Protein backbone atom coordinates (compact mmCIF):
# COMPACT_ATOMS: atom_id res chain seq x y z
CA UNK A 1 199.21 -267.93 -105.70
CA UNK A 2 198.51 -270.16 -102.74
CA UNK A 3 198.74 -267.19 -100.36
CA UNK A 4 196.24 -265.28 -102.45
CA UNK A 5 193.73 -268.18 -102.32
CA UNK A 6 194.08 -268.34 -98.51
CA UNK A 7 193.59 -264.58 -98.22
CA UNK A 8 190.50 -264.71 -100.38
CA UNK A 9 189.11 -267.61 -98.33
CA UNK A 10 189.56 -265.71 -95.09
CA UNK A 11 187.96 -262.62 -96.61
CA UNK A 12 184.91 -264.61 -97.68
CA UNK A 13 184.62 -266.16 -94.21
CA UNK A 14 184.92 -262.76 -92.52
CA UNK A 15 182.38 -261.25 -94.93
CA UNK A 16 179.99 -264.12 -94.26
CA UNK A 17 180.38 -263.70 -90.48
CA UNK A 18 179.80 -259.94 -90.71
CA UNK A 19 176.74 -260.33 -92.94
CA UNK A 20 175.35 -263.07 -90.69
CA UNK A 21 175.92 -260.91 -87.59
CA UNK A 22 174.17 -257.97 -89.24
CA UNK A 23 171.23 -260.17 -90.24
CA UNK A 24 170.96 -261.67 -86.76
CA UNK A 25 171.12 -258.22 -85.17
CA UNK A 26 168.49 -256.89 -87.58
CA UNK A 27 166.20 -259.88 -86.94
CA UNK A 28 166.67 -259.53 -83.16
CA UNK A 29 165.84 -255.83 -83.30
CA UNK A 30 162.79 -256.53 -85.46
CA UNK A 31 161.58 -259.22 -83.04
CA UNK A 32 162.19 -256.93 -80.05
CA UNK A 33 160.38 -254.04 -81.73
CA UNK A 34 157.47 -256.27 -82.77
CA UNK A 35 157.13 -257.77 -79.29
CA UNK A 36 157.32 -254.27 -77.74
CA UNK A 37 154.60 -252.99 -80.08
CA UNK A 38 152.41 -256.01 -79.31
CA UNK A 39 152.99 -255.65 -75.56
CA UNK A 40 152.31 -251.89 -75.67
CA UNK A 41 149.10 -252.48 -77.64
CA UNK A 42 147.96 -255.12 -75.14
CA UNK A 43 148.73 -252.84 -72.21
CA UNK A 44 146.84 -249.93 -73.79
CA UNK A 45 143.77 -252.10 -74.40
CA UNK A 46 143.79 -253.54 -70.89
CA UNK A 47 144.25 -250.10 -69.33
CA UNK A 48 141.34 -248.75 -71.43
CA UNK A 49 139.22 -251.63 -70.12
CA UNK A 50 140.36 -250.86 -66.55
CA UNK A 51 139.20 -247.24 -66.95
CA UNK A 52 135.75 -248.47 -67.94
CA UNK A 53 135.79 -250.80 -64.92
CA UNK A 54 136.70 -247.84 -62.67
CA UNK A 55 133.65 -245.90 -63.90
CA UNK A 56 131.41 -248.97 -63.42
CA UNK A 57 132.79 -249.37 -59.88
CA UNK A 58 132.03 -245.72 -59.06
CA UNK A 59 128.46 -246.22 -60.32
CA UNK A 60 128.18 -249.38 -58.23
CA UNK A 61 129.39 -247.62 -55.07
CA UNK A 62 126.78 -244.87 -55.40
CA UNK A 63 124.00 -247.37 -56.18
CA UNK A 64 124.92 -249.44 -53.14
CA UNK A 65 125.27 -246.39 -50.90
CA UNK A 66 121.84 -244.84 -51.42
CA UNK A 67 120.05 -247.04 -53.96
CA UNK A 68 118.75 -250.56 -54.23
CA UNK A 69 120.56 -253.71 -53.14
CA UNK A 70 123.37 -254.03 -50.65
CA UNK A 71 126.22 -255.22 -52.91
CA UNK A 72 127.54 -254.73 -56.44
CA UNK A 73 130.53 -256.36 -58.18
CA UNK A 74 132.90 -255.63 -61.06
CA UNK A 75 135.64 -257.82 -62.56
CA UNK A 76 139.18 -256.75 -63.47
CA UNK A 77 142.04 -258.65 -65.14
CA UNK A 78 145.42 -258.19 -63.48
CA UNK A 79 147.42 -259.33 -66.53
CA UNK A 80 149.12 -255.94 -67.08
CA UNK A 81 147.00 -253.71 -64.83
CA UNK A 82 147.66 -253.31 -61.10
CA UNK A 83 144.93 -252.39 -58.62
CA UNK A 84 146.11 -250.45 -55.58
CA UNK A 85 143.87 -250.03 -52.53
CA UNK A 86 144.86 -247.02 -50.42
CA UNK A 87 142.96 -247.32 -47.16
CA UNK A 88 142.35 -243.96 -45.44
CA UNK A 89 145.54 -242.41 -46.81
CA UNK A 90 144.61 -239.86 -49.51
CA UNK A 91 143.97 -236.91 -47.20
CA UNK A 92 141.87 -235.64 -44.31
CA UNK A 93 138.31 -234.64 -45.22
CA UNK A 94 136.54 -232.49 -42.64
CA UNK A 95 132.98 -231.15 -42.75
CA UNK A 96 131.58 -228.60 -40.32
CA UNK A 97 128.11 -227.18 -39.89
CA UNK A 98 128.36 -224.11 -37.73
CA UNK A 99 130.57 -225.14 -34.82
CA UNK A 100 129.78 -228.88 -35.20
CA UNK A 101 132.25 -231.17 -36.96
CA UNK A 102 130.03 -233.77 -38.59
CA UNK A 103 132.65 -235.62 -40.70
CA UNK A 104 136.35 -236.08 -40.05
CA UNK A 105 137.58 -238.89 -42.26
CA UNK A 106 140.79 -239.84 -44.05
CA UNK A 107 139.78 -240.57 -47.64
CA UNK A 108 140.41 -243.96 -49.28
CA UNK A 109 141.05 -244.52 -52.99
CA UNK A 110 141.17 -247.34 -55.52
CA UNK A 111 143.86 -246.87 -58.17
CA UNK A 112 144.06 -248.75 -61.48
CA UNK A 113 147.64 -248.55 -62.81
CA UNK A 114 148.52 -249.38 -66.41
CA UNK A 115 151.61 -251.18 -67.67
CA UNK A 116 155.01 -249.61 -68.32
CA UNK A 117 154.22 -248.76 -71.97
CA UNK A 118 150.95 -246.96 -71.20
CA UNK A 119 150.94 -243.19 -71.25
CA UNK A 120 148.14 -240.75 -70.56
CA UNK A 121 147.36 -237.23 -69.36
CA UNK A 122 144.80 -235.71 -67.03
CA UNK A 123 141.19 -236.48 -67.88
CA UNK A 124 138.06 -236.44 -65.75
CA UNK A 125 136.10 -239.63 -66.42
CA UNK A 126 133.30 -239.20 -63.87
CA UNK A 127 131.33 -236.98 -63.71
CA UNK A 128 131.42 -236.07 -67.37
CA UNK A 129 131.80 -232.41 -68.33
CA UNK A 130 130.74 -230.85 -71.62
CA UNK A 131 133.71 -228.49 -71.64
CA UNK A 132 137.13 -230.10 -70.96
CA UNK A 133 138.32 -226.79 -69.53
CA UNK A 134 135.87 -227.30 -66.63
CA UNK A 135 137.38 -230.65 -65.62
CA UNK A 136 139.91 -229.30 -63.13
CA UNK A 137 137.39 -227.11 -61.31
CA UNK A 138 134.90 -230.00 -61.24
CA UNK A 139 137.56 -232.24 -59.70
CA UNK A 140 138.11 -229.81 -56.81
CA UNK A 141 134.42 -229.46 -55.86
CA UNK A 142 133.82 -230.55 -52.28
CA UNK A 143 130.10 -229.66 -52.01
CA UNK A 144 127.68 -230.76 -54.73
CA UNK A 145 123.95 -230.68 -55.35
CA UNK A 146 121.52 -233.61 -55.28
CA UNK A 147 121.93 -234.27 -59.02
CA UNK A 148 125.73 -234.46 -58.97
CA UNK A 149 128.10 -237.38 -58.44
CA UNK A 150 129.75 -238.12 -55.12
CA UNK A 151 132.31 -240.60 -56.43
CA UNK A 152 134.97 -239.13 -58.73
CA UNK A 153 136.99 -240.98 -61.39
CA UNK A 154 139.93 -239.35 -63.14
CA UNK A 155 143.15 -240.41 -64.82
CA UNK A 156 146.59 -238.86 -64.82
CA UNK A 157 150.23 -239.77 -65.33
CA UNK A 158 151.96 -239.84 -61.95
CA UNK A 159 154.85 -242.32 -62.13
CA UNK A 160 152.71 -244.36 -64.48
CA UNK A 161 149.28 -244.14 -66.05
CA UNK A 162 146.76 -244.25 -63.21
CA UNK A 163 142.99 -243.99 -62.82
CA UNK A 164 141.74 -242.90 -59.41
CA UNK A 165 138.37 -243.71 -57.79
CA UNK A 166 137.52 -241.83 -54.58
CA UNK A 167 134.85 -239.72 -52.89
CA UNK A 168 136.00 -236.48 -51.22
CA UNK A 169 132.60 -234.76 -51.46
CA UNK A 170 129.32 -234.20 -49.68
CA UNK A 171 125.95 -233.82 -51.35
CA UNK A 172 123.60 -231.16 -50.01
CA UNK A 173 119.86 -231.23 -50.71
CA UNK A 174 117.00 -229.05 -49.50
CA UNK A 175 114.01 -231.23 -48.53
CA UNK A 176 111.52 -228.44 -47.91
CA UNK A 177 109.66 -226.97 -44.93
CA UNK A 178 108.36 -229.60 -42.53
CA UNK A 179 106.32 -229.02 -39.33
CA UNK A 180 107.54 -230.62 -36.14
CA UNK A 181 105.43 -231.09 -33.04
CA UNK A 182 106.95 -229.81 -29.81
CA UNK A 183 106.45 -231.11 -26.25
CA UNK A 184 103.77 -228.49 -25.55
CA UNK A 185 101.70 -229.76 -28.52
CA UNK A 186 102.54 -226.74 -30.64
CA UNK A 187 104.15 -226.91 -34.06
CA UNK A 188 107.17 -225.16 -35.45
CA UNK A 189 108.19 -225.13 -39.09
CA UNK A 190 111.74 -226.10 -39.98
CA UNK A 191 113.81 -226.01 -43.14
CA UNK A 192 115.00 -229.57 -43.67
CA UNK A 193 118.36 -230.22 -45.32
CA UNK A 194 120.15 -233.49 -46.07
CA UNK A 195 123.93 -233.87 -46.17
CA UNK A 196 125.22 -237.20 -47.53
CA UNK A 197 128.72 -238.67 -47.59
CA UNK A 198 130.18 -241.99 -48.73
CA UNK A 199 132.86 -243.46 -46.47
CA UNK A 200 134.92 -246.07 -48.35
CA UNK A 201 137.18 -248.60 -46.65
CA UNK A 202 138.83 -251.91 -47.60
CA UNK A 203 138.77 -255.40 -46.14
CA UNK A 204 139.68 -258.89 -47.39
CA UNK A 205 141.84 -257.65 -50.27
CA UNK A 206 143.88 -260.04 -52.41
CA UNK A 207 143.89 -262.31 -55.44
CA UNK A 208 145.55 -262.73 -58.82
CA UNK A 209 144.53 -263.26 -62.44
CA UNK A 210 140.97 -261.96 -62.76
CA UNK A 211 139.55 -260.67 -59.49
CA UNK A 212 136.15 -259.46 -58.33
CA UNK A 213 135.90 -256.06 -56.66
CA UNK A 214 132.80 -256.02 -54.48
CA UNK A 215 131.17 -252.93 -52.98
CA UNK A 216 128.96 -253.64 -49.95
CA UNK A 217 126.80 -251.29 -47.92
CA UNK A 218 127.67 -251.95 -44.29
CA UNK A 219 125.07 -249.54 -42.93
CA UNK A 220 124.06 -245.89 -42.70
CA UNK A 221 124.96 -243.56 -39.85
CA UNK A 222 122.33 -240.83 -39.44
CA UNK A 223 122.72 -237.75 -37.28
CA UNK A 224 120.26 -234.89 -36.78
CA UNK A 225 121.36 -231.34 -36.09
CA UNK A 226 118.75 -228.77 -34.99
CA UNK A 227 119.55 -225.08 -35.39
CA UNK A 228 117.47 -222.06 -34.34
CA UNK A 229 118.20 -220.14 -37.55
CA UNK A 230 116.45 -220.72 -40.88
CA UNK A 231 119.78 -221.15 -42.68
CA UNK A 232 123.12 -222.81 -41.94
CA UNK A 233 126.64 -222.70 -43.28
CA UNK A 234 128.50 -225.84 -44.28
CA UNK A 235 132.28 -225.89 -44.67
CA UNK A 236 134.39 -228.65 -46.26
CA UNK A 237 138.18 -228.91 -46.03
CA UNK A 238 140.28 -231.41 -48.00
CA UNK A 239 144.04 -231.37 -48.51
CA UNK A 240 144.30 -227.64 -47.92
CA UNK A 241 141.32 -226.70 -50.10
CA UNK A 242 138.21 -225.19 -48.50
CA UNK A 243 134.69 -224.73 -49.84
CA UNK A 244 131.76 -223.17 -48.00
CA UNK A 245 128.07 -222.93 -48.80
CA UNK A 246 125.06 -221.37 -47.11
CA UNK A 247 122.10 -223.75 -46.91
CA UNK A 248 118.96 -221.67 -47.08
CA UNK A 249 115.28 -222.36 -47.61
CA UNK A 250 112.02 -220.75 -46.50
CA UNK A 251 112.93 -217.38 -44.98
CA UNK A 252 110.09 -217.46 -42.39
CA UNK A 253 110.93 -220.91 -41.05
CA UNK A 254 111.42 -221.21 -37.29
CA UNK A 255 114.74 -223.02 -37.62
CA UNK A 256 116.71 -225.62 -39.56
CA UNK A 257 117.15 -229.37 -39.21
CA UNK A 258 120.08 -231.02 -40.98
CA UNK A 259 120.05 -234.78 -41.52
CA UNK A 260 123.59 -236.09 -41.94
CA UNK A 261 123.72 -239.50 -43.61
CA UNK A 262 127.01 -241.38 -43.92
CA UNK A 263 127.04 -244.56 -46.02
CA UNK A 264 129.75 -247.02 -44.96
CA UNK A 265 130.92 -248.88 -48.07
CA UNK A 266 133.29 -251.81 -47.70
CA UNK A 267 135.35 -252.75 -50.74
CA UNK A 268 136.70 -256.30 -50.89
CA UNK A 269 137.92 -258.81 -53.47
CA UNK A 270 136.11 -261.78 -51.87
């Protein structure tokens, strides 16, 4: 009888230990799952906010480059989002007009990277497209018109959810036929074209917590190219892709003048 009581006592103890272990394991798993869900939700919200910030920054860069004011600023929280500044390391961007190389620049990019629980797929955020099927072709445009964006923003999953801000494009605009006085006091009529490009570079980068990202216009470089023909071909090459375009205007013009304007935009966190 005594042996039976001892056996029953041990059985109750073992049962209690097993039940307690199961309960503790279940509670631990529930806490882990709940904390993971909360963390994932926080990371998704902060990454969504970072995408909006990326679009605001692209708008600010274009406003500073050719608009009013010489500086614009956006704020970003670095709680779960990382900001990566790649200075002149995205790829070589070359622009030629005829035999003249007018731009030969290694493109910079700002990358907003989400936390480990954030997932995404390719989406073009700026410029917006009415048909999602046009997003990839829009992303690869190297020459755009005067009404189109120079700074691109897109997201993709490449070893993490990332949103990219960069400007591998030139904008071409026809300004009309303008007379120009020559040395012998005669006039010739030229087709005037404007080619604009935004050169982005980084300086004074750093900080933690919530940081300011400031875009400053450090000046415009302007070059004039005079051609005897009333049209000219522009060619852009970026990371193996090539796009060409014939700039044409008034067919009876005496020649063409191309104004090349390069805006130097410094990005800093101070």
